């Protein structure tokens, strides 16, 4: 590691301690990521984005702290945050294992069980680079329809990422959601729990990053884990179900709860995600 003076000085201003070395970190889709070595021997991750959308990093920090308060799944400690920067305790990446996956399943169950006051959150958030509406609703079916599926279906349609026929398929299942989605007390969700936001640490624990946290149905996080694949996913699910049994038929609703992330990806990346969302919706026609 070398030391980039401008980056180091910015971090030092937020942390109030010296930065002895810095190194770029690959993999960030939105922000620039830098590894920091601090004078006390610890390491940190610094994320920066000039002219970030207002509240982007503050919302991420708030979500991480809310998840940490559940005493469930591990999250990196928030060291400092401002409008264009977030500094987190570094998680040293290790290898995935079945035992770590089982521990993750139990920890995720505990986080979900910590609950939330309602479906939604006090403030809107972000999902990737997109705004995430979080105004509360009285039922999960209503919230999922009007805050998660329909806004991104409209945006994907406006961006040409969903055809009229595909949109019709999704809209058809929206009207049936009250009969398809069982009600449960709101769970404390990570909200963007895909494989890239799951870190396997050298300490044998699994940490999660980049949340889009809110109160919702716990099956959403599990459906997201399945969407893009996760090592030892079945071990995660088995341990989760042992700790907090899932509702009957939950596996049949995985594709239903994948509508939201598929539409988000259609908005962001186009490609075949709109068609995949329509295919998922047609399963419940």
C-alpha atoms as a PDB file:
ATOM      1  CA  UNK A   1       0.000   0.000   0.000  1.00  0.00           C
ATOM      2  CA  UNK A   2       1.123   3.535  -0.756  1.00  0.00           C
ATOM      3  CA  UNK A   3      -0.371   6.772   0.532  1.00  0.00           C
ATOM      4  CA  UNK A   4      -2.564   9.016  -1.587  1.00  0.00           C
ATOM      5  CA  UNK A   5      -2.291  12.368   0.223  1.00  0.00           C
ATOM      6  CA  UNK A   6      -5.668  13.794  -0.813  1.00  0.00           C
ATOM      7  CA  UNK A   7      -7.554  10.621   0.042  1.00  0.00           C
ATOM      8  CA  UNK A   8      -5.675  10.213   3.308  1.00  0.00           C
ATOM      9  CA  UNK A   9      -6.292  13.796   4.399  1.00  0.00           C
ATOM     10  CA  UNK A  10     -10.000  13.501   3.700  1.00  0.00           C
ATOM     11  CA  UNK A  11     -10.224  10.326   5.770  1.00  0.00           C
ATOM     12  CA  UNK A  12      -8.164  11.847   8.565  1.00  0.00           C
ATOM     13  CA  UNK A  13     -10.532  14.806   8.728  1.00  0.00           C
ATOM     14  CA  UNK A  14     -13.476  12.482   9.313  1.00  0.00           C
ATOM     15  CA  UNK A  15     -11.752   9.964  11.563  1.00  0.00           C
ATOM     16  CA  UNK A  16      -9.608  12.276  13.626  1.00  0.00           C
ATOM     17  CA  UNK A  17      -6.701   9.842  13.337  1.00  0.00           C
ATOM     18  CA  UNK A  18      -3.752   9.387  10.986  1.00  0.00           C
ATOM     19  CA  UNK A  19      -3.900   7.320   7.791  1.00  0.00           C
ATOM     20  CA  UNK A  20      -0.532   5.732   7.037  1.00  0.00           C
ATOM     21  CA  UNK A  21      -1.354   4.000   3.740  1.00  0.00           C
ATOM     22  CA  UNK A  22      -4.093   3.709   1.116  1.00  0.00           C
ATOM     23  CA  UNK A  23      -4.875   1.304  -1.718  1.00  0.00           C
ATOM     24  CA  UNK A  24      -7.659   1.235  -4.322  1.00  0.00           C
ATOM     25  CA  UNK A  25     -10.275  -1.522  -4.028  1.00  0.00           C
ATOM     26  CA  UNK A  26     -11.931  -2.936  -7.144  1.00  0.00           C
ATOM     27  CA  UNK A  27     -15.551  -3.911  -7.461  1.00  0.00           C
ATOM     28  CA  UNK A  28     -17.588  -0.821  -6.557  1.00  0.00           C
ATOM     29  CA  UNK A  29     -20.349  -0.071  -9.063  1.00  0.00           C
ATOM     30  CA  UNK A  30     -21.328   3.323  -7.689  1.00  0.00           C
ATOM     31  CA  UNK A  31     -18.651   4.734  -5.398  1.00  0.00           C
ATOM     32  CA  UNK A  32     -14.858   4.767  -5.436  1.00  0.00           C
ATOM     33  CA  UNK A  33     -13.533   2.367  -2.797  1.00  0.00           C
ATOM     34  CA  UNK A  34     -10.213   2.716  -0.979  1.00  0.00           C
ATOM     35  CA  UNK A  35      -8.595   0.568   1.696  1.00  0.00           C
ATOM     36  CA  UNK A  36      -7.076   2.579   4.550  1.00  0.00           C
ATOM     37  CA  UNK A  37      -4.392   1.515   6.995  1.00  0.00           C
ATOM     38  CA  UNK A  38      -4.725   3.574  10.155  1.00  0.00           C
ATOM     39  CA  UNK A  39      -2.042   4.569  12.619  1.00  0.00           C
ATOM     40  CA  UNK A  40      -3.417   2.222  15.284  1.00  0.00           C
ATOM     41  CA  UNK A  41      -2.786  -0.748  12.974  1.00  0.00           C
ATOM     42  CA  UNK A  42      -6.420  -1.291  12.007  1.00  0.00           C
ATOM     43  CA  UNK A  43      -7.814  -1.104   8.485  1.00  0.00           C
ATOM     44  CA  UNK A  44     -10.914   0.541   7.050  1.00  0.00           C
ATOM     45  CA  UNK A  45     -12.824   0.865   3.812  1.00  0.00           C
ATOM     46  CA  UNK A  46     -13.546   4.346   2.480  1.00  0.00           C
ATOM     47  CA  UNK A  47     -16.291   4.862  -0.115  1.00  0.00           C
ATOM     48  CA  UNK A  48     -16.478   8.207  -1.890  1.00  0.00           C
ATOM     49  CA  UNK A  49     -18.747   9.699  -4.541  1.00  0.00           C
ATOM     50  CA  UNK A  50     -18.514  13.327  -5.594  1.00  0.00           C
ATOM     51  CA  UNK A  51     -21.941  14.954  -5.809  1.00  0.00           C
ATOM     52  CA  UNK A  52     -23.601  11.874  -4.396  1.00  0.00           C
ATOM     53  CA  UNK A  53     -27.408  11.902  -4.327  1.00  0.00           C
ATOM     54  CA  UNK A  54     -28.445  13.706  -1.141  1.00  0.00           C
ATOM     55  CA  UNK A  55     -28.583  11.288   1.758  1.00  0.00           C
ATOM     56  CA  UNK A  56     -26.982   8.342  -0.076  1.00  0.00           C
ATOM     57  CA  UNK A  57     -24.198   7.591   2.394  1.00  0.00           C
ATOM     58  CA  UNK A  58     -26.127   8.731   5.454  1.00  0.00           C
ATOM     59  CA  UNK A  59     -28.907   6.302   4.538  1.00  0.00           C
ATOM     60  CA  UNK A  60     -26.422   3.466   4.082  1.00  0.00           C
ATOM     61  CA  UNK A  61     -24.846   4.194   7.456  1.00  0.00           C
ATOM     62  CA  UNK A  62     -28.246   4.320   9.133  1.00  0.00           C
ATOM     63  CA  UNK A  63     -29.186   0.979   7.587  1.00  0.00           C
ATOM     64  CA  UNK A  64     -25.962  -0.664   8.727  1.00  0.00           C
ATOM     65  CA  UNK A  65     -26.452   0.573  12.286  1.00  0.00           C
ATOM     66  CA  UNK A  66     -30.076  -0.612  12.312  1.00  0.00           C
ATOM     67  CA  UNK A  67     -29.030  -4.069  11.195  1.00  0.00           C
ATOM     68  CA  UNK A  68     -26.216  -4.126  13.757  1.00  0.00           C
ATOM     69  CA  UNK A  69     -28.718  -3.342  16.528  1.00  0.00           C
ATOM     70  CA  UNK A  70     -30.458  -6.650  15.824  1.00  0.00           C
ATOM     71  CA  UNK A  71     -27.564  -8.683  17.318  1.00  0.00           C
ATOM     72  CA  UNK A  72     -27.925 -10.975  14.329  1.00  0.00           C
ATOM     73  CA  UNK A  73     -26.032 -10.879  11.065  1.00  0.00           C
ATOM     74  CA  UNK A  74     -22.614  -9.208  11.194  1.00  0.00           C
ATOM     75  CA  UNK A  75     -22.141  -5.809   9.560  1.00  0.00           C
ATOM     76  CA  UNK A  76     -19.012  -3.670   9.362  1.00  0.00           C
ATOM     77  CA  UNK A  77     -18.807  -0.925  11.957  1.00  0.00           C
ATOM     78  CA  UNK A  78     -19.544   2.581  10.685  1.00  0.00           C
ATOM     79  CA  UNK A  79     -16.517   4.744  11.543  1.00  0.00           C
ATOM     80  CA  UNK A  80     -17.500   8.001   9.853  1.00  0.00           C
ATOM     81  CA  UNK A  81     -19.935   9.388   7.299  1.00  0.00           C
ATOM     82  CA  UNK A  82     -20.681  12.614   5.478  1.00  0.00           C
ATOM     83  CA  UNK A  83     -22.565  13.615   2.324  1.00  0.00           C
ATOM     84  CA  UNK A  84     -19.908  12.266  -0.061  1.00  0.00           C
ATOM     85  CA  UNK A  85     -18.055   9.661   1.975  1.00  0.00           C
ATOM     86  CA  UNK A  86     -18.547   6.608   4.179  1.00  0.00           C
ATOM     87  CA  UNK A  87     -15.805   4.876   6.179  1.00  0.00           C
ATOM     88  CA  UNK A  88     -16.341   1.353   7.512  1.00  0.00           C
ATOM     89  CA  UNK A  89     -14.283  -1.096   9.511  1.00  0.00           C
ATOM     90  CA  UNK A  90     -12.512  -3.402   7.038  1.00  0.00           C
ATOM     91  CA  UNK A  91     -13.741  -6.992   6.709  1.00  0.00           C
ATOM     92  CA  UNK A  92     -10.866  -9.228   5.650  1.00  0.00           C
ATOM     93  CA  UNK A  93     -12.216 -11.546   2.947  1.00  0.00           C
ATOM     94  CA  UNK A  94     -11.791 -15.282   3.377  1.00  0.00           C
ATOM     95  CA  UNK A  95     -13.167 -18.480   1.885  1.00  0.00           C
ATOM     96  CA  UNK A  96     -16.777 -19.588   2.009  1.00  0.00           C
ATOM     97  CA  UNK A  97     -17.655 -22.724   3.952  1.00  0.00           C
ATOM     98  CA  UNK A  98     -20.697 -24.731   4.913  1.00  0.00           C
ATOM     99  CA  UNK A  99     -20.230 -23.979   8.600  1.00  0.00           C
ATOM    100  CA  UNK A 100     -20.043 -20.241   7.946  1.00  0.00           C
ATOM    101  CA  UNK A 101     -23.155 -20.511   5.771  1.00  0.00           C
ATOM    102  CA  UNK A 102     -25.072 -22.217   8.560  1.00  0.00           C
ATOM    103  CA  UNK A 103     -23.994 -19.506  10.984  1.00  0.00           C
ATOM    104  CA  UNK A 104     -25.128 -16.898   8.497  1.00  0.00           C
ATOM    105  CA  UNK A 105     -28.540 -18.535   8.210  1.00  0.00           C
ATOM    106  CA  UNK A 106     -29.046 -18.469  11.972  1.00  0.00           C
ATOM    107  CA  UNK A 107     -27.793 -14.887  12.218  1.00  0.00           C
ATOM    108  CA  UNK A 108     -30.040 -13.699   9.391  1.00  0.00           C
ATOM    109  CA  UNK A 109     -33.013 -15.302  11.106  1.00  0.00           C
ATOM    110  CA  UNK A 110     -32.172 -13.329  14.258  1.00  0.00           C
ATOM    111  CA  UNK A 111     -31.925 -10.077  12.298  1.00  0.00           C
ATOM    112  CA  UNK A 112     -35.296 -10.651  10.671  1.00  0.00           C
ATOM    113  CA  UNK A 113     -36.835 -11.595  14.022  1.00  0.00           C
ATOM    114  CA  UNK A 114     -35.674  -8.284  15.523  1.00  0.00           C
ATOM    115  CA  UNK A 115     -38.512  -6.797  13.510  1.00  0.00           C
ATOM    116  CA  UNK A 116     -39.519  -3.337  12.376  1.00  0.00           C
ATOM    117  CA  UNK A 117     -42.267  -0.927  13.439  1.00  0.00           C
ATOM    118  CA  UNK A 118     -44.114  -1.271  10.115  1.00  0.00           C
ATOM    119  CA  UNK A 119     -43.744  -2.207   6.486  1.00  0.00           C
ATOM    120  CA  UNK A 120     -41.434   0.470   5.101  1.00  0.00           C
ATOM    121  CA  UNK A 121     -39.292   3.019   6.895  1.00  0.00           C
ATOM    122  CA  UNK A 122     -39.409   6.561   8.221  1.00  0.00           C
ATOM    123  CA  UNK A 123     -37.400   7.833   5.251  1.00  0.00           C
ATOM    124  CA  UNK A 124     -36.995   6.872   1.619  1.00  0.00           C
ATOM    125  CA  UNK A 125     -33.743   5.167   0.669  1.00  0.00           C
ATOM    126  CA  UNK A 126     -31.787   3.873  -2.304  1.00  0.00           C
ATOM    127  CA  UNK A 127     -31.487   0.603  -4.177  1.00  0.00           C
ATOM    128  CA  UNK A 128     -28.281   0.804  -6.172  1.00  0.00           C
ATOM    129  CA  UNK A 129     -28.431   4.216  -7.848  1.00  0.00           C
ATOM    130  CA  UNK A 130     -32.228   4.373  -7.773  1.00  0.00           C
ATOM    131  CA  UNK A 131     -34.499   5.980  -5.180  1.00  0.00           C
ATOM    132  CA  UNK A 132     -36.302   3.501  -2.922  1.00  0.00           C
ATOM    133  CA  UNK A 133     -39.775   4.619  -1.753  1.00  0.00           C
ATOM    134  CA  UNK A 134     -40.419   3.532   1.826  1.00  0.00           C
ATOM    135  CA  UNK A 135     -43.676   5.212   2.863  1.00  0.00           C
ATOM    136  CA  UNK A 136     -45.446   2.734   5.091  1.00  0.00           C
ATOM    137  CA  UNK A 137     -48.483   0.657   4.184  1.00  0.00           C
ATOM    138  CA  UNK A 138     -50.956  -1.382   6.181  1.00  0.00           C
ATOM    139  CA  UNK A 139     -50.205  -4.781   4.668  1.00  0.00           C
ATOM    140  CA  UNK A 140     -47.292  -6.494   2.987  1.00  0.00           C
ATOM    141  CA  UNK A 141     -49.258  -7.120  -0.206  1.00  0.00           C
ATOM    142  CA  UNK A 142     -50.070  -3.409  -0.493  1.00  0.00           C
ATOM    143  CA  UNK A 143     -46.545  -2.302   0.298  1.00  0.00           C
ATOM    144  CA  UNK A 144     -44.983  -4.780  -2.123  1.00  0.00           C
ATOM    145  CA  UNK A 145     -47.326  -3.681  -4.890  1.00  0.00           C
ATOM    146  CA  UNK A 146     -47.166   0.099  -4.557  1.00  0.00           C
ATOM    147  CA  UNK A 147     -43.630   0.608  -3.178  1.00  0.00           C
ATOM    148  CA  UNK A 148     -41.643  -2.217  -4.728  1.00  0.00           C
ATOM    149  CA  UNK A 149     -43.181  -3.593  -7.931  1.00  0.00           C
ATOM    150  CA  UNK A 150     -45.191  -0.842  -9.622  1.00  0.00           C
ATOM    151  CA  UNK A 151     -42.683   2.058  -9.302  1.00  0.00           C
ATOM    152  CA  UNK A 152     -39.920   0.060 -10.982  1.00  0.00           C
ATOM    153  CA  UNK A 153     -42.260  -1.420 -13.551  1.00  0.00           C
ATOM    154  CA  UNK A 154     -43.178   2.119 -14.605  1.00  0.00           C
ATOM    155  CA  UNK A 155     -39.554   3.243 -14.672  1.00  0.00           C
ATOM    156  CA  UNK A 156     -38.491   0.178 -16.660  1.00  0.00           C
ATOM    157  CA  UNK A 157     -41.331   0.807 -19.098  1.00  0.00           C
ATOM    158  CA  UNK A 158     -40.294   4.467 -19.467  1.00  0.00           C
ATOM    159  CA  UNK A 159     -36.710   3.376 -20.167  1.00  0.00           C
ATOM    160  CA  UNK A 160     -37.754   0.819 -22.758  1.00  0.00           C
ATOM    161  CA  UNK A 161     -36.532  -2.085 -20.643  1.00  0.00           C
ATOM    162  CA  UNK A 162     -39.962  -3.737 -20.422  1.00  0.00           C
ATOM    163  CA  UNK A 163     -42.342  -4.277 -23.324  1.00  0.00           C
ATOM    164  CA  UNK A 164     -46.079  -3.583 -23.144  1.00  0.00           C
ATOM    165  CA  UNK A 165     -46.791  -7.316 -23.113  1.00  0.00           C
ATOM    166  CA  UNK A 166     -44.279  -7.928 -20.308  1.00  0.00           C
ATOM    167  CA  UNK A 167     -45.741  -5.054 -18.286  1.00  0.00           C
ATOM    168  CA  UNK A 168     -49.228  -6.516 -18.671  1.00  0.00           C
ATOM    169  CA  UNK A 169     -48.001  -9.835 -17.235  1.00  0.00           C
ATOM    170  CA  UNK A 170     -46.562  -8.122 -14.174  1.00  0.00           C
ATOM    171  CA  UNK A 171     -49.609  -5.911 -13.661  1.00  0.00           C
ATOM    172  CA  UNK A 172     -51.853  -8.974 -13.773  1.00  0.00           C
ATOM    173  CA  UNK A 173     -50.126 -10.602 -10.826  1.00  0.00           C
ATOM    174  CA  UNK A 174     -50.069  -7.351  -8.807  1.00  0.00           C
ATOM    175  CA  UNK A 175     -53.832  -7.494  -8.476  1.00  0.00           C
ATOM    176  CA  UNK A 176     -53.584 -10.997  -7.038  1.00  0.00           C
ATOM    177  CA  UNK A 177     -50.942 -10.244  -4.401  1.00  0.00           C
ATOM    178  CA  UNK A 178     -53.333 -10.137  -1.402  1.00  0.00           C
ATOM    179  CA  UNK A 179     -54.235 -13.756  -2.068  1.00  0.00           C
ATOM    180  CA  UNK A 180     -50.682 -14.865  -2.823  1.00  0.00           C
ATOM    181  CA  UNK A 181     -48.626 -13.253  -0.048  1.00  0.00           C
ATOM    182  CA  UNK A 182     -49.136 -14.375   3.560  1.00  0.00           C
ATOM    183  CA  UNK A 183     -49.061 -11.716   6.228  1.00  0.00           C
ATOM    184  CA  UNK A 184     -46.308 -11.807   8.850  1.00  0.00           C
ATOM    185  CA  UNK A 185     -45.063  -9.160  11.276  1.00  0.00           C
ATOM    186  CA  UNK A 186     -42.579  -6.832   9.520  1.00  0.00           C
ATOM    187  CA  UNK A 187     -39.051  -8.240   9.526  1.00  0.00           C
ATOM    188  CA  UNK A 188     -35.843  -6.226   9.708  1.00  0.00           C
ATOM    189  CA  UNK A 189     -34.607  -6.585   6.124  1.00  0.00           C
ATOM    190  CA  UNK A 190     -31.235  -5.977   4.540  1.00  0.00           C
ATOM    191  CA  UNK A 191     -33.201  -5.215   1.387  1.00  0.00           C
ATOM    192  CA  UNK A 192     -30.509  -5.791  -1.266  1.00  0.00           C
ATOM    193  CA  UNK A 193     -29.171  -9.150  -0.157  1.00  0.00           C
ATOM    194  CA  UNK A 194     -27.569 -10.533  -3.278  1.00  0.00           C
ATOM    195  CA  UNK A 195     -24.326 -12.499  -3.392  1.00  0.00           C
ATOM    196  CA  UNK A 196     -22.168  -9.412  -4.012  1.00  0.00           C
ATOM    197  CA  UNK A 197     -23.280  -7.887  -0.715  1.00  0.00           C
ATOM    198  CA  UNK A 198     -22.327 -10.977   1.306  1.00  0.00           C
ATOM    199  CA  UNK A 199     -18.745 -11.102   2.616  1.00  0.00           C
ATOM    200  CA  UNK A 200     -17.142 -14.317   3.845  1.00  0.00           C
ATOM    201  CA  UNK A 201     -14.599 -13.241   6.461  1.00  0.00           C
ATOM    202  CA  UNK A 202     -11.371 -14.879   7.548  1.00  0.00           C
ATOM    203  CA  UNK A 203     -12.840 -15.081  11.058  1.00  0.00           C
ATOM    204  CA  UNK A 204     -15.429 -17.602   9.824  1.00  0.00           C
ATOM    205  CA  UNK A 205     -18.288 -15.114  10.024  1.00  0.00           C
ATOM    206  CA  UNK A 206     -20.382 -13.778   7.181  1.00  0.00           C
ATOM    207  CA  UNK A 207     -20.932 -10.024   7.024  1.00  0.00           C
ATOM    208  CA  UNK A 208     -23.364  -8.049   4.876  1.00  0.00           C
ATOM    209  CA  UNK A 209     -22.792  -4.669   3.262  1.00  0.00           C
ATOM    210  CA  UNK A 210     -24.611  -2.080   1.109  1.00  0.00           C
ATOM    211  CA  UNK A 211     -28.070  -2.447   2.637  1.00  0.00           C
ATOM    212  CA  UNK A 212     -31.329  -0.963   1.413  1.00  0.00           C
ATOM    213  CA  UNK A 213     -32.839  -1.597   4.832  1.00  0.00           C
ATOM    214  CA  UNK A 214     -36.540  -1.363   5.681  1.00  0.00           C
ATOM    215  CA  UNK A 215     -39.331  -3.311   7.346  1.00  0.00           C
ATOM    216  CA  UNK A 216     -40.735  -5.983   5.055  1.00  0.00           C
ATOM    217  CA  UNK A 217     -41.426  -9.664   4.501  1.00  0.00           C
ATOM    218  CA  UNK A 218     -38.455 -11.859   5.372  1.00  0.00           C
ATOM    219  CA  UNK A 219     -38.946 -13.962   2.235  1.00  0.00           C
ATOM    220  CA  UNK A 220     -37.684 -10.982   0.177  1.00  0.00           C
ATOM    221  CA  UNK A 221     -34.126 -11.313   1.516  1.00  0.00           C
ATOM    222  CA  UNK A 222     -34.155 -15.073   0.942  1.00  0.00           C
ATOM    223  CA  UNK A 223     -35.477 -14.658  -2.598  1.00  0.00           C
ATOM    224  CA  UNK A 224     -32.704 -12.173  -3.340  1.00  0.00           C
ATOM    225  CA  UNK A 225     -30.067 -14.611  -2.098  1.00  0.00           C
ATOM    226  CA  UNK A 226     -31.412 -17.201  -4.526  1.00  0.00           C
ATOM    227  CA  UNK A 227     -31.675 -14.855  -7.508  1.00  0.00           C
ATOM    228  CA  UNK A 228     -27.983 -14.622  -8.367  1.00  0.00           C
ATOM    229  CA  UNK A 229     -26.741 -17.598  -6.394  1.00  0.00           C
ATOM    230  CA  UNK A 230     -24.883 -17.870  -3.107  1.00  0.00           C
ATOM    231  CA  UNK A 231     -22.328 -20.499  -2.088  1.00  0.00           C
ATOM    232  CA  UNK A 232     -23.858 -23.081   0.255  1.00  0.00           C
ATOM    233  CA  UNK A 233     -27.299 -21.483  -0.102  1.00  0.00           C
ATOM    234  CA  UNK A 234     -29.091 -24.635   1.016  1.00  0.00           C
ATOM    235  CA  UNK A 235     -27.050 -24.665   4.244  1.00  0.00           C
ATOM    236  CA  UNK A 236     -28.112 -21.067   4.827  1.00  0.00           C
ATOM    237  CA  UNK A 237     -31.776 -21.876   4.242  1.00  0.00           C
ATOM    238  CA  UNK A 238     -31.738 -25.024   6.364  1.00  0.00           C
ATOM    239  CA  UNK A 239     -30.133 -23.242   9.315  1.00  0.00           C
ATOM    240  CA  UNK A 240     -32.519 -20.309   8.926  1.00  0.00           C
ATOM    241  CA  UNK A 241     -35.580 -22.561   8.857  1.00  0.00           C
ATOM    242  CA  UNK A 242     -34.336 -24.464  11.903  1.00  0.00           C
ATOM    243  CA  UNK A 243     -33.871 -21.229  13.849  1.00  0.00           C
ATOM    244  CA  UNK A 244     -37.095 -19.564  12.675  1.00  0.00           C
ATOM    245  CA  UNK A 245     -39.370 -21.837  10.640  1.00  0.00           C
ATOM    246  CA  UNK A 246     -40.548 -20.395   7.352  1.00  0.00           C
ATOM    247  CA  UNK A 247     -44.230 -20.246   6.419  1.00  0.00           C
ATOM    248  CA  UNK A 248     -45.748 -23.065   4.408  1.00  0.00           C
ATOM    249  CA  UNK A 249     -45.247 -22.633   0.684  1.00  0.00           C
ATOM    250  CA  UNK A 250     -42.443 -20.099   1.002  1.00  0.00           C
ATOM    251  CA  UNK A 251     -40.402 -21.770  -1.757  1.00  0.00           C
ATOM    252  CA  UNK A 252     -43.334 -21.357  -4.143  1.00  0.00           C
ATOM    253  CA  UNK A 253     -43.202 -17.600  -3.546  1.00  0.00           C
ATOM    254  CA  UNK A 254     -39.494 -17.126  -4.304  1.00  0.00           C
ATOM    255  CA  UNK A 255     -40.116 -16.026  -7.905  1.00  0.00           C
ATOM    256  CA  UNK A 256     -42.895 -13.692  -6.725  1.00  0.00           C
ATOM    257  CA  UNK A 257     -40.511 -11.931  -4.367  1.00  0.00           C
ATOM    258  CA  UNK A 258     -37.892 -11.785  -7.121  1.00  0.00           C
ATOM    259  CA  UNK A 259     -40.117  -9.513  -9.216  1.00  0.00           C
ATOM    260  CA  UNK A 260     -38.836  -6.468  -7.360  1.00  0.00           C
ATOM    261  CA  UNK A 261     -35.076  -7.012  -7.839  1.00  0.00           C
ATOM    262  CA  UNK A 262     -35.605  -8.157 -11.438  1.00  0.00           C
ATOM    263  CA  UNK A 263     -37.444  -4.935 -12.239  1.00  0.00           C
ATOM    264  CA  UNK A 264     -34.754  -2.893 -10.485  1.00  0.00           C
ATOM    265  CA  UNK A 265     -32.147  -4.602 -12.659  1.00  0.00           C
ATOM    266  CA  UNK A 266     -34.266  -3.931 -15.736  1.00  0.00           C
ATOM    267  CA  UNK A 267     -34.235  -0.229 -14.834  1.00  0.00           C
ATOM    268  CA  UNK A 268     -30.481  -0.180 -14.247  1.00  0.00           C
ATOM    269  CA  UNK A 269     -29.148  -2.572 -16.856  1.00  0.00           C
ATOM    270  CA  UNK A 270     -31.896  -3.376 -19.351  1.00  0.00           C
ATOM    271  CA  UNK A 271     -30.942  -6.594 -21.069  1.00  0.00           C
ATOM    272  CA  UNK A 272     -33.265  -9.503 -20.434  1.00  0.00           C
ATOM    273  CA  UNK A 273     -34.304  -8.574 -16.906  1.00  0.00           C
ATOM    274  CA  UNK A 274     -37.698  -7.257 -18.000  1.00  0.00           C
ATOM    275  CA  UNK A 275     -38.448 -10.535 -19.753  1.00  0.00           C
ATOM    276  CA  UNK A 276     -37.323 -12.477 -16.680  1.00  0.00           C
ATOM    277  CA  UNK A 277     -39.681 -10.425 -14.495  1.00  0.00           C
ATOM    278  CA  UNK A 278     -42.566 -11.164 -16.852  1.00  0.00           C
ATOM    279  CA  UNK A 279     -41.727 -14.871 -16.865  1.00  0.00           C
ATOM    280  CA  UNK A 280     -41.706 -14.873 -13.048  1.00  0.00           C
ATOM    281  CA  UNK A 281     -45.086 -13.106 -12.956  1.00  0.00           C
ATOM    282  CA  UNK A 282     -46.663 -15.589 -15.365  1.00  0.00           C
ATOM    283  CA  UNK A 283     -46.034 -18.427 -12.925  1.00  0.00           C
ATOM    284  CA  UNK A 284     -48.802 -16.969 -10.767  1.00  0.00           C
ATOM    285  CA  UNK A 285     -51.292 -16.229 -13.534  1.00  0.00           C
END
